[in-house]
Amino acid sequence: MDNIIKIVNKKIRQIVISLTVVGILLLILSFLTVWTTFMAKLVMGMVILLLAYAFLSTAYRLWKIQQDIKDVWQIKDTKIK
């Protein structure tokens, strides 16, 4: 049981770090948008990429937590028909 708690805490810590980094980068990019229209277009593209990265990495880490929980408790997948 302690093992699963350590695994979940580690994964949650990774999610928090990832979202914090993305938030800081978005904050920096928001300051860059005030200069030129070209920079605004570039920043909007980067914002979309950062959000996509945040969602995909969070989804992967949550899936990994689910797999770790299944491994600890040896839960088998049951398909709903």
N, C-alpha and C. Protein backbone atom coordinates (compact mmCIF):
# COMPACT_ATOMS: atom_id res chain seq x y z
N MET A 1 0.82 -1.19 0.00
CA MET A 1 0.00 0.00 0.00
C MET A 1 0.87 1.26 0.00
N ASP A 2 1.98 1.21 0.74
CA ASP A 2 2.89 2.36 0.75
C ASP A 2 3.48 2.60 -0.63
N ASN A 3 3.71 1.50 -1.37
CA ASN A 3 4.28 1.61 -2.70
C ASN A 3 3.36 2.39 -3.63
N ILE A 4 2.08 2.08 -3.60
CA ILE A 4 1.13 2.76 -4.48
C ILE A 4 1.01 4.24 -4.12
N ILE A 5 1.07 4.55 -2.84
CA ILE A 5 1.00 5.95 -2.41
C ILE A 5 2.22 6.72 -2.91
N LYS A 6 3.40 6.10 -2.84
CA LYS A 6 4.61 6.73 -3.35
C LYS A 6 4.51 6.95 -4.86
N ILE A 7 4.00 5.97 -5.57
CA ILE A 7 3.86 6.08 -7.03
C ILE A 7 2.91 7.21 -7.39
N VAL A 8 1.75 7.26 -6.72
CA VAL A 8 0.76 8.30 -7.01
C VAL A 8 1.31 9.67 -6.66
N ASN A 9 2.00 9.79 -5.53
CA ASN A 9 2.60 11.08 -5.15
C ASN A 9 3.63 11.54 -6.17
N LYS A 10 4.45 10.61 -6.67
CA LYS A 10 5.45 10.95 -7.67
C LYS A 10 4.79 11.43 -8.95
N LYS A 11 3.75 10.75 -9.39
CA LYS A 11 3.06 11.13 -10.63
C LYS A 11 2.35 12.47 -10.48
N ILE A 12 1.74 12.70 -9.35
CA ILE A 12 1.06 13.98 -9.12
C ILE A 12 2.09 15.11 -9.08
N ARG A 13 3.24 14.87 -8.48
CA ARG A 13 4.30 15.87 -8.45
C ARG A 13 4.77 16.19 -9.87
N GLN A 14 4.87 15.18 -10.73
CA GLN A 14 5.27 15.41 -12.11
C GLN A 14 4.23 16.24 -12.85
N ILE A 15 2.95 15.98 -12.60
CA ILE A 15 1.89 16.75 -13.24
C ILE A 15 1.94 18.20 -12.80
N VAL A 16 2.15 18.42 -11.51
CA VAL A 16 2.22 19.79 -10.99
C VAL A 16 3.40 20.54 -11.60
N ILE A 17 4.55 19.90 -11.69
CA ILE A 17 5.72 20.54 -12.28
C ILE A 17 5.47 20.86 -13.74
N SER A 18 4.89 19.93 -14.47
CA SER A 18 4.60 20.15 -15.88
C SER A 18 3.65 21.32 -16.09
N LEU A 19 2.57 21.35 -15.33
CA LEU A 19 1.60 22.43 -15.47
C LEU A 19 2.17 23.77 -15.02
N THR A 20 3.04 23.77 -14.02
CA THR A 20 3.69 25.00 -13.57
C THR A 20 4.62 25.56 -14.65
N VAL A 21 5.41 24.69 -15.27
CA VAL A 21 6.30 25.13 -16.34
C VAL A 21 5.51 25.69 -17.50
N VAL A 22 4.44 25.00 -17.90
CA VAL A 22 3.61 25.50 -18.99
C VAL A 22 2.98 26.83 -18.62
N GLY A 23 2.53 26.98 -17.38
CA GLY A 23 1.96 28.24 -16.93
C GLY A 23 2.96 29.38 -16.98
N ILE A 24 4.18 29.13 -16.56
CA ILE A 24 5.22 30.16 -16.60
C ILE A 24 5.54 30.54 -18.05
N LEU A 25 5.64 29.54 -18.92
CA LEU A 25 5.90 29.84 -20.33
C LEU A 25 4.76 30.63 -20.96
N LEU A 26 3.53 30.30 -20.61
CA LEU A 26 2.40 31.05 -21.12
C LEU A 26 2.41 32.49 -20.62
N LEU A 27 2.83 32.68 -19.40
CA LEU A 27 2.94 34.02 -18.84
C LEU A 27 3.99 34.84 -19.59
N ILE A 28 5.13 34.23 -19.86
CA ILE A 28 6.19 34.91 -20.62
C ILE A 28 5.70 35.23 -22.03
N LEU A 29 5.03 34.29 -22.65
CA LEU A 29 4.53 34.52 -24.01
C LEU A 29 3.46 35.61 -24.04
N SER A 30 2.69 35.73 -22.97
CA SER A 30 1.67 36.77 -22.95
C SER A 30 2.29 38.17 -22.95
N PHE A 31 3.47 38.32 -22.34
CA PHE A 31 4.16 39.61 -22.38
C PHE A 31 4.73 39.91 -23.76
N LEU A 32 5.07 38.86 -24.51
CA LEU A 32 5.64 39.07 -25.83
C LEU A 32 4.59 39.51 -26.86
N THR A 33 3.33 39.29 -26.60
CA THR A 33 2.30 39.60 -27.59
C THR A 33 2.08 41.09 -27.78
N VAL A 34 2.55 41.90 -26.90
CA VAL A 34 2.29 43.33 -27.00
C VAL A 34 3.20 44.04 -27.99
N TRP A 35 4.22 43.40 -28.54
CA TRP A 35 5.16 44.10 -29.39
C TRP A 35 4.69 44.27 -30.82
N THR A 36 4.53 43.20 -31.56
CA THR A 36 4.15 43.32 -32.97
C THR A 36 3.09 42.30 -33.32
N THR A 37 2.47 42.49 -34.47
CA THR A 37 1.46 41.51 -34.90
C THR A 37 2.10 40.18 -35.26
N PHE A 38 3.30 40.23 -35.84
CA PHE A 38 4.00 38.98 -36.14
C PHE A 38 4.29 38.21 -34.87
N MET A 39 4.74 38.93 -33.86
CA MET A 39 5.04 38.28 -32.58
C MET A 39 3.76 37.72 -31.97
N ALA A 40 2.64 38.43 -32.14
CA ALA A 40 1.37 37.95 -31.61
C ALA A 40 0.97 36.64 -32.28
N LYS A 41 1.15 36.55 -33.59
CA LYS A 41 0.84 35.31 -34.30
C LYS A 41 1.75 34.17 -33.84
N LEU A 42 3.01 34.50 -33.69
CA LEU A 42 3.97 33.49 -33.24
C LEU A 42 3.63 33.00 -31.84
N VAL A 43 3.29 33.93 -30.97
CA VAL A 43 2.95 33.57 -29.60
C VAL A 43 1.67 32.74 -29.55
N MET A 44 0.69 33.09 -30.37
CA MET A 44 -0.55 32.30 -30.38
C MET A 44 -0.28 30.87 -30.82
N GLY A 45 0.59 30.70 -31.78
CA GLY A 45 0.98 29.36 -32.19
C GLY A 45 1.66 28.60 -31.07
N MET A 46 2.53 29.29 -30.34
CA MET A 46 3.22 28.67 -29.22
C MET A 46 2.27 28.33 -28.08
N VAL A 47 1.27 29.19 -27.86
CA VAL A 47 0.27 28.92 -26.82
C VAL A 47 -0.49 27.65 -27.15
N ILE A 48 -0.88 27.51 -28.40
CA ILE A 48 -1.61 26.31 -28.80
C ILE A 48 -0.74 25.07 -28.61
N LEU A 49 0.53 25.17 -28.99
CA LEU A 49 1.44 24.03 -28.80
C LEU A 49 1.65 23.71 -27.32
N LEU A 50 1.79 24.74 -26.49
CA LEU A 50 1.97 24.50 -25.06
C LEU A 50 0.74 23.87 -24.42
N LEU A 51 -0.43 24.34 -24.81
CA LEU A 51 -1.66 23.74 -24.28
C LEU A 51 -1.80 22.29 -24.72
N ALA A 52 -1.47 22.02 -25.98
CA ALA A 52 -1.53 20.65 -26.46
C ALA A 52 -0.57 19.76 -25.67
N TYR A 53 0.64 20.27 -25.44
CA TYR A 53 1.62 19.52 -24.65
C TYR A 53 1.11 19.27 -23.23
N ALA A 54 0.53 20.29 -22.62
CA ALA A 54 0.04 20.16 -21.25
C ALA A 54 -1.06 19.10 -21.17
N PHE A 55 -2.00 19.15 -22.11
CA PHE A 55 -3.08 18.17 -22.08
C PHE A 55 -2.58 16.76 -22.36
N LEU A 56 -1.70 16.61 -23.34
CA LEU A 56 -1.20 15.27 -23.67
C LEU A 56 -0.33 14.70 -22.56
N SER A 57 0.53 15.51 -21.98
CA SER A 57 1.38 14.99 -20.92
C SER A 57 0.58 14.66 -19.66
N THR A 58 -0.42 15.47 -19.37
CA THR A 58 -1.29 15.18 -18.22
C THR A 58 -2.08 13.90 -18.45
N ALA A 59 -2.60 13.74 -19.65
CA ALA A 59 -3.35 12.52 -19.97
C ALA A 59 -2.45 11.30 -19.86
N TYR A 60 -1.22 11.40 -20.36
CA TYR A 60 -0.30 10.27 -20.28
C TYR A 60 0.03 9.93 -18.83
N ARG A 61 0.28 10.94 -18.03
CA ARG A 61 0.63 10.68 -16.63
C ARG A 61 -0.54 10.09 -15.85
N LEU A 62 -1.75 10.54 -16.13
CA LEU A 62 -2.91 9.94 -15.48
C LEU A 62 -3.11 8.50 -15.92
N TRP A 63 -2.88 8.22 -17.21
CA TRP A 63 -2.98 6.84 -17.70
C TRP A 63 -1.92 5.97 -17.02
N LYS A 64 -0.71 6.54 -16.84
CA LYS A 64 0.37 5.79 -16.19
C LYS A 64 0.01 5.50 -14.73
N ILE A 65 -0.63 6.45 -14.04
CA ILE A 65 -1.08 6.21 -12.67
C ILE A 65 -2.09 5.08 -12.65
N GLN A 66 -3.01 5.09 -13.60
CA GLN A 66 -4.01 4.02 -13.69
C GLN A 66 -3.33 2.67 -13.88
N GLN A 67 -2.32 2.61 -14.74
CA GLN A 67 -1.61 1.35 -14.98
C GLN A 67 -0.85 0.91 -13.73
N ASP A 68 -0.26 1.85 -13.00
CA ASP A 68 0.46 1.50 -11.78
C ASP A 68 -0.49 0.96 -10.72
N ILE A 69 -1.66 1.54 -10.62
CA ILE A 69 -2.66 1.05 -9.66
C ILE A 69 -3.10 -0.36 -10.04
N LYS A 70 -3.32 -0.59 -11.32
CA LYS A 70 -3.70 -1.93 -11.78
C LYS A 70 -2.60 -2.94 -11.48
N ASP A 71 -1.33 -2.53 -11.66
CA ASP A 71 -0.22 -3.44 -11.40
C ASP A 71 -0.11 -3.78 -9.92
N VAL A 72 -0.36 -2.81 -9.06
CA VAL A 72 -0.24 -3.07 -7.62
C VAL A 72 -1.34 -4.00 -7.15
N TRP A 73 -2.56 -3.77 -7.61
CA TRP A 73 -3.68 -4.58 -7.15
C TRP A 73 -4.05 -5.70 -8.12
N GLN A 74 -3.25 -5.90 -9.16
CA GLN A 74 -3.47 -6.94 -10.16
C GLN A 74 -4.91 -6.94 -10.67
N ILE A 75 -5.38 -5.78 -11.05
CA ILE A 75 -6.74 -5.64 -11.58
C ILE A 75 -6.68 -5.95 -13.07
N LYS A 76 -7.60 -6.80 -13.52
CA LYS A 76 -7.66 -7.15 -14.93
C LYS A 76 -8.68 -6.24 -15.61
N ASP A 77 -8.39 -5.91 -16.87
CA ASP A 77 -9.34 -5.11 -17.64
C ASP A 77 -10.57 -5.94 -17.97
N THR A 78 -11.72 -5.36 -17.74
CA THR A 78 -12.96 -6.02 -18.13
C THR A 78 -13.63 -5.14 -19.16
N LYS A 79 -13.96 -5.73 -20.28
CA LYS A 79 -14.59 -4.97 -21.35
C LYS A 79 -16.10 -5.02 -21.17
N ILE A 80 -16.71 -3.87 -21.32
CA ILE A 80 -18.16 -3.78 -21.21
C ILE A 80 -18.74 -4.08 -22.60
N LYS A 81 -19.70 -5.00 -22.64
CA LYS A 81 -20.29 -5.37 -23.92
C LYS A 81 -21.58 -4.63 -24.15
